Amino acid sequence: MSEFVIEIENLTKTYRSGLRRSQVFAVRNLNLSVKKGSIVAFVGPNGAGKTTTIHSLLGFLKPDNGTIRLFGQPTGSASLRRRVGYQCEIFHTYPFYTGTQALTYYGRLAGVSKDVSKGMTQRLGLAQALLHDPELLILDEPTSGLDPEGRRLVLEIIREEKAKGKTIFLSSHILADVERTCDEVVMVRQGQVAFSDQVSSFSNDSQEWEIEVAGFNNTMIEILGSKCSVVSVNGEDAVLLCITEDKRDVLKTLLSLPLEIGGMKRRRTGSLEDAYMKHVGRA
């Protein structure tokens, strides 16, 4: 059995636009995979192809080219319906239903008995996707439009589902939620994957330290030795760099020299927001 719950290869989907019915690519040769038990964020600007990809995953749209497999099976298969839960970005239900009635209705659609629906009314936003206890959750902007308390509740539910061994694939514009919740991020622009990485790689726990000094000159470089490097020099002001392991020895050496230490801080690693702006952000 494949370790990937979602496998997309060379997905392409076009539509016609304008008076001349010109061909426009919503998704072009898109490739991605999602491992079992992981939470993967799918991010990008409006019009990048996120919703088209999700609708293709669910079988709502038929790709022009490429293959999609869920649990190793072609998407759209009736046997997959029970294994997948989906929450659309803007959730609508029938206004004449109470919360309990709505859950009962969606539960019946998913083949769940009435008794199983009880106790879920406080999670109505996600309940219709969670009711049948699916193995894969596909969530389109699950925290969009929620207040901080609502966002926190939804993120807690998502983490709970992962703890149960579920796989979650979600789109989001809220990068802070991605950092708090997801294992991996996939960024798309103009229908193609522009960047992907583990969210943990954007941690601010850098092991490098920047030390600002005044009264610096080139003769001090040899004294500092290999444990410290020079990042920048502006007149007699300089920024030095060392790793945590060598920080104590470097500071002792600096204190013995005729210069002033202006400040010290961990070197800033690239943030998720920086990566977003670099790879998919609009000019």
Protein backbone atom coordinates (compact mmCIF):
# COMPACT_ATOMS: atom_id res chain seq x y z
CA MET A 1 0.00 0.00 0.00
CA SER A 2 1.26 3.47 -0.90
CA GLU A 3 2.31 5.77 1.93
CA PHE A 4 0.52 8.61 0.11
CA VAL A 5 -3.19 9.25 0.60
CA ILE A 6 -3.26 11.90 -2.15
CA GLU A 7 -1.25 11.59 -5.38
CA ILE A 8 -1.60 14.16 -8.16
CA GLU A 9 0.47 13.88 -11.33
CA ASN A 10 0.52 16.48 -14.12
CA LEU A 11 -2.98 17.76 -13.32
CA THR A 12 -4.19 20.22 -15.94
CA LYS A 13 -7.58 21.94 -16.06
CA THR A 14 -8.60 24.73 -18.42
CA TYR A 15 -11.70 26.83 -19.00
CA ARG A 16 -12.87 29.33 -21.59
CA SER A 17 -13.06 33.05 -20.86
CA GLY A 18 -14.10 36.26 -22.59
CA LEU A 19 -15.92 36.97 -25.81
CA ARG A 20 -13.34 35.07 -27.81
CA ARG A 21 -13.62 32.09 -25.47
CA SER A 22 -9.86 32.06 -25.01
CA GLN A 23 -8.37 29.11 -23.18
CA VAL A 24 -7.23 29.87 -19.63
CA PHE A 25 -5.27 27.44 -17.46
CA ALA A 26 -6.72 27.10 -13.96
CA VAL A 27 -4.19 24.36 -13.17
CA ARG A 28 -1.19 23.43 -15.32
CA ASN A 29 0.88 20.25 -14.85
CA LEU A 30 0.44 20.33 -11.09
CA ASN A 31 2.14 17.61 -9.03
CA LEU A 32 1.82 16.98 -5.32
CA SER A 33 1.46 14.16 -2.81
CA VAL A 34 0.19 13.97 0.77
CA LYS A 35 1.47 11.35 3.19
CA LYS A 36 -0.86 9.39 5.42
CA GLY A 37 -1.33 10.96 8.86
CA SER A 38 0.01 14.40 7.89
CA ILE A 39 -1.53 17.87 7.76
CA VAL A 40 -0.62 19.61 4.51
CA ALA A 41 -1.47 23.24 3.79
CA PHE A 42 -2.26 24.32 0.24
CA VAL A 43 -1.67 28.07 -0.04
CA GLY A 44 -1.48 30.71 -2.73
CA PRO A 45 -3.15 33.92 -3.93
CA ASN A 46 -6.71 34.07 -5.22
CA GLY A 47 -6.94 32.50 -8.65
CA ALA A 48 -3.87 30.31 -8.13
CA GLY A 49 -5.83 27.10 -8.74
CA LYS A 50 -6.44 25.90 -5.18
CA THR A 51 -10.19 25.39 -5.41
CA THR A 52 -9.94 23.88 -8.90
CA THR A 53 -7.44 21.35 -7.54
CA ILE A 54 -9.67 20.53 -4.57
CA HIS A 55 -12.75 20.12 -6.78
CA SER A 56 -10.74 17.85 -9.07
CA LEU A 57 -9.66 15.80 -6.05
CA LEU A 58 -13.28 15.34 -5.06
CA GLY A 59 -14.41 14.41 -8.56
CA PHE A 60 -16.50 17.56 -9.02
CA LEU A 61 -14.35 18.51 -12.02
CA LYS A 62 -12.90 16.24 -14.68
CA PRO A 63 -9.24 17.04 -15.44
CA ASP A 64 -8.20 17.78 -19.01
CA ASN A 65 -5.00 15.87 -18.37
CA GLY A 66 -3.14 14.12 -15.58
CA THR A 67 -4.05 11.58 -12.92
CA ILE A 68 -5.42 11.84 -9.38
CA ARG A 69 -5.45 9.00 -6.88
CA LEU A 70 -6.89 8.87 -3.38
CA PHE A 71 -5.81 5.87 -1.33
CA GLY A 72 -4.36 4.52 -4.56
CA GLN A 73 -7.72 4.63 -6.35
CA PRO A 74 -8.97 6.93 -9.14
CA THR A 75 -10.84 9.93 -7.73
CA GLY A 76 -14.63 9.99 -8.03
CA SER A 77 -14.99 6.34 -7.14
CA ALA A 78 -18.13 5.65 -5.09
CA SER A 79 -16.10 3.50 -2.71
CA LEU A 80 -14.04 6.57 -1.74
CA ARG A 81 -17.02 8.65 -0.65
CA ARG A 82 -17.12 7.13 2.81
CA ARG A 83 -13.37 7.66 3.31
CA VAL A 84 -13.31 11.40 2.51
CA GLY A 85 -14.79 14.36 4.39
CA TYR A 86 -15.04 17.76 2.71
CA GLN A 87 -15.76 21.24 4.01
CA CYS A 88 -16.23 23.95 1.40
CA GLU A 89 -15.06 27.51 2.01
CA ILE A 90 -18.58 28.95 2.29
CA PHE A 91 -20.79 26.43 4.04
CA HIS A 92 -24.52 26.67 3.35
CA THR A 93 -27.27 24.61 4.86
CA TYR A 94 -31.03 24.69 4.66
CA PRO A 95 -32.35 27.61 6.76
CA PHE A 96 -35.41 25.65 7.89
CA TYR A 97 -33.23 23.05 9.65
CA THR A 98 -32.04 23.34 13.22
CA GLY A 99 -28.44 22.41 13.90
CA THR A 100 -29.41 18.90 15.00
CA GLN A 101 -31.71 18.43 11.99
CA ALA A 102 -28.99 19.59 9.61
CA LEU A 103 -26.51 17.13 11.12
CA THR A 104 -29.03 14.32 10.90
CA TYR A 105 -29.63 15.15 7.22
CA TYR A 106 -25.92 15.22 6.32
CA GLY A 107 -25.34 12.09 8.38
CA ARG A 108 -28.00 10.24 6.41
CA LEU A 109 -26.37 11.37 3.16
CA ALA A 110 -23.11 9.87 4.42
CA GLY A 111 -24.82 6.65 5.51
CA VAL A 112 -24.59 7.34 9.25
CA SER A 113 -27.37 6.42 11.67
CA LYS A 114 -29.27 9.13 13.53
CA ASP A 115 -27.78 8.17 16.91
CA VAL A 116 -24.19 8.83 15.77
CA SER A 117 -25.05 12.51 15.03
CA LYS A 118 -25.80 13.42 18.67
CA GLY A 119 -23.31 15.58 20.59
CA MET A 120 -21.87 17.23 17.48
CA THR A 121 -23.99 20.39 17.29
CA GLN A 122 -21.21 22.61 18.66
CA ARG A 123 -19.05 21.68 15.67
CA LEU A 124 -21.54 22.42 12.91
CA GLY A 125 -18.96 24.11 10.68
CA LEU A 126 -16.94 20.89 10.40
CA ALA A 127 -19.56 18.39 11.47
CA GLN A 128 -20.87 17.43 8.05
CA ALA A 129 -17.28 16.62 7.05
CA LEU A 130 -16.56 14.73 10.29
CA LEU A 131 -19.86 12.87 10.75
CA HIS A 132 -18.91 9.68 8.97
CA ASP A 133 -15.42 9.56 10.56
CA PRO A 134 -13.47 9.82 7.27
CA GLU A 135 -9.83 8.89 6.88
CA LEU A 136 -9.09 12.00 4.77
CA LEU A 137 -10.32 15.53 5.45
CA ILE A 138 -10.23 18.07 2.62
CA LEU A 139 -10.88 21.55 4.02
CA ASP A 140 -11.22 24.71 1.95
CA GLU A 141 -10.41 27.73 4.15
CA PRO A 142 -11.69 26.09 7.37
CA THR A 143 -10.99 29.16 9.57
CA SER A 144 -12.09 31.84 7.11
CA GLY A 145 -14.42 34.43 8.67
CA LEU A 146 -14.15 33.02 12.19
CA ASP A 147 -13.35 35.05 15.30
CA PRO A 148 -10.21 34.07 17.31
CA GLU A 149 -12.17 31.71 19.56
CA GLY A 150 -13.76 29.98 16.58
CA ARG A 151 -10.40 29.68 14.80
CA ARG A 152 -8.84 28.15 17.89
CA LEU A 153 -11.63 25.60 18.17
CA VAL A 154 -11.33 24.57 14.52
CA LEU A 155 -7.53 24.22 14.76
CA GLU A 156 -7.92 22.10 17.89
CA ILE A 157 -10.36 19.84 16.04
CA ILE A 158 -7.91 19.49 13.15
CA ARG A 159 -5.10 18.53 15.53
CA GLU A 160 -7.41 16.05 17.27
CA GLU A 161 -8.20 14.42 13.94
CA LYS A 162 -4.50 14.08 13.14
CA ALA A 163 -3.93 12.48 16.55
CA LYS A 164 -6.51 9.85 15.53
CA GLY A 165 -4.40 9.02 12.49
CA LYS A 166 -6.40 11.04 9.96
CA THR A 167 -4.88 12.86 6.99
CA ILE A 168 -5.80 16.52 6.45
CA PHE A 169 -5.35 18.57 3.28
CA LEU A 170 -6.42 22.19 3.73
CA SER A 171 -6.24 25.45 1.86
CA SER A 172 -5.74 28.64 3.83
CA HIS A 173 -4.84 32.31 3.50
CA ILE A 174 -3.95 32.54 7.20
CA LEU A 175 -0.25 31.71 7.44
CA ALA A 176 -0.25 31.87 11.25
CA ASP A 177 -2.74 29.00 11.32
CA VAL A 178 -0.57 27.03 8.90
CA GLU A 179 2.49 27.51 11.14
CA ARG A 180 0.56 26.44 14.24
CA THR A 181 -1.11 23.39 12.74
CA CYS A 182 0.47 21.95 9.60
CA ASP A 183 3.36 19.61 8.93
CA GLU A 184 3.99 20.67 5.35
CA VAL A 185 3.12 23.61 3.11
CA VAL A 186 2.63 23.56 -0.66
CA MET A 187 2.51 26.96 -2.39
CA VAL A 188 0.87 27.41 -5.78
CA ARG A 189 0.93 30.25 -8.26
CA GLN A 190 -0.77 30.39 -11.65
CA GLY A 191 -1.86 26.79 -11.38
CA GLN A 192 1.56 25.31 -10.62
CA VAL A 193 3.44 24.30 -7.49
CA ALA A 194 6.00 27.04 -6.87
CA PHE A 195 7.39 25.85 -3.53
CA SER A 196 6.94 23.14 -0.90
CA ASP A 197 8.69 22.41 2.38
CA GLN A 198 8.22 21.18 5.93
CA VAL A 199 6.72 23.88 8.18
CA SER A 200 9.33 23.03 10.82
CA SER A 201 12.03 24.44 8.52
CA PHE A 202 10.65 27.93 9.21
CA SER A 203 11.31 27.70 12.94
CA ASN A 204 12.92 30.75 14.52
CA ASP A 205 15.10 28.56 16.75
CA SER A 206 18.26 29.38 14.81
CA GLN A 207 21.58 28.16 16.20
CA GLU A 208 23.41 31.21 14.80
CA TRP A 209 23.91 34.47 16.69
CA GLU A 210 24.56 37.96 15.35
CA ILE A 211 26.74 40.19 17.52
CA GLU A 212 26.91 43.93 16.87
CA VAL A 213 30.21 45.60 17.78
CA ALA A 214 31.69 49.10 17.55
CA GLY A 215 35.37 49.96 17.20
CA PHE A 216 36.05 47.01 14.91
CA ASN A 217 39.02 46.80 12.51
CA ASN A 218 40.40 44.14 10.19
CA THR A 219 43.28 43.23 12.51
CA MET A 220 40.75 41.68 14.89
CA ILE A 221 39.59 39.06 12.37
CA GLU A 222 42.67 36.90 12.95
CA ILE A 223 42.27 37.19 16.73
CA LEU A 224 38.66 36.01 16.58
CA GLY A 225 39.71 32.89 14.66
CA SER A 226 37.44 30.35 12.98
CA LYS A 227 34.72 30.48 15.64
CA CYS A 228 33.46 33.82 14.41
CA SER A 229 32.84 35.30 10.96
CA VAL A 230 32.15 38.84 9.79
CA VAL A 231 28.72 39.38 8.26
CA SER A 232 29.03 43.09 7.48
CA VAL A 233 31.25 46.10 8.19
CA ASN A 234 30.24 49.77 8.11
CA GLY A 235 33.19 51.93 9.14
CA GLU A 236 34.08 50.81 12.66
CA ASP A 237 30.70 49.10 13.18
CA ALA A 238 30.44 45.43 12.35
CA VAL A 239 28.07 42.46 12.67
CA LEU A 240 29.74 39.20 13.61
CA LEU A 241 28.30 35.70 13.41
CA CYS A 242 28.85 32.62 15.56
CA ILE A 243 26.99 29.45 16.51
CA THR A 244 25.50 28.73 19.93
CA GLU A 245 28.25 26.25 20.77
CA ASP A 246 30.95 28.89 20.31
CA LYS A 247 29.06 31.90 21.65
CA ARG A 248 30.61 31.91 25.15
CA ASP A 249 34.21 31.72 23.86
CA VAL A 250 33.56 34.40 21.23
CA LEU A 251 32.14 36.79 23.82
CA LYS A 252 35.15 36.25 26.08
CA THR A 253 37.46 37.12 23.19
CA LEU A 254 35.42 40.20 22.27
CA LEU A 255 35.47 41.45 25.87
CA SER A 256 39.26 41.28 25.83
CA LEU A 257 39.45 43.52 22.74
CA PRO A 258 39.20 47.35 22.63
CA LEU A 259 35.68 47.42 21.20
CA GLU A 260 32.10 47.75 22.43
CA ILE A 261 29.41 45.09 22.13
CA GLY A 262 26.25 46.84 20.97
CA GLY A 263 23.82 43.92 21.01
CA MET A 264 23.32 40.25 20.36
CA LYS A 265 20.39 38.30 18.88
CA ARG A 266 19.58 35.02 17.21
CA ARG A 267 19.96 35.22 13.47
CA ARG A 268 16.52 35.47 11.91
CA THR A 269 15.65 32.49 9.76
CA GLY A 270 13.34 32.83 6.80
CA SER A 271 9.71 32.94 7.88
CA LEU A 272 6.76 31.29 6.18
CA GLU A 273 5.56 34.75 5.20
CA ASP A 274 8.94 35.51 3.60
CA ALA A 275 8.75 32.30 1.58
CA TYR A 276 5.18 33.10 0.54
CA MET A 277 6.09 36.58 -0.69
CA LYS A 278 9.17 35.26 -2.50
CA HIS A 279 7.51 32.39 -4.32
CA VAL A 280 3.84 33.24 -4.81
CA GLY A 281 3.21 36.75 -3.50
CA ARG A 282 1.95 39.36 -5.93
CA ALA A 283 4.20 42.30 -6.82
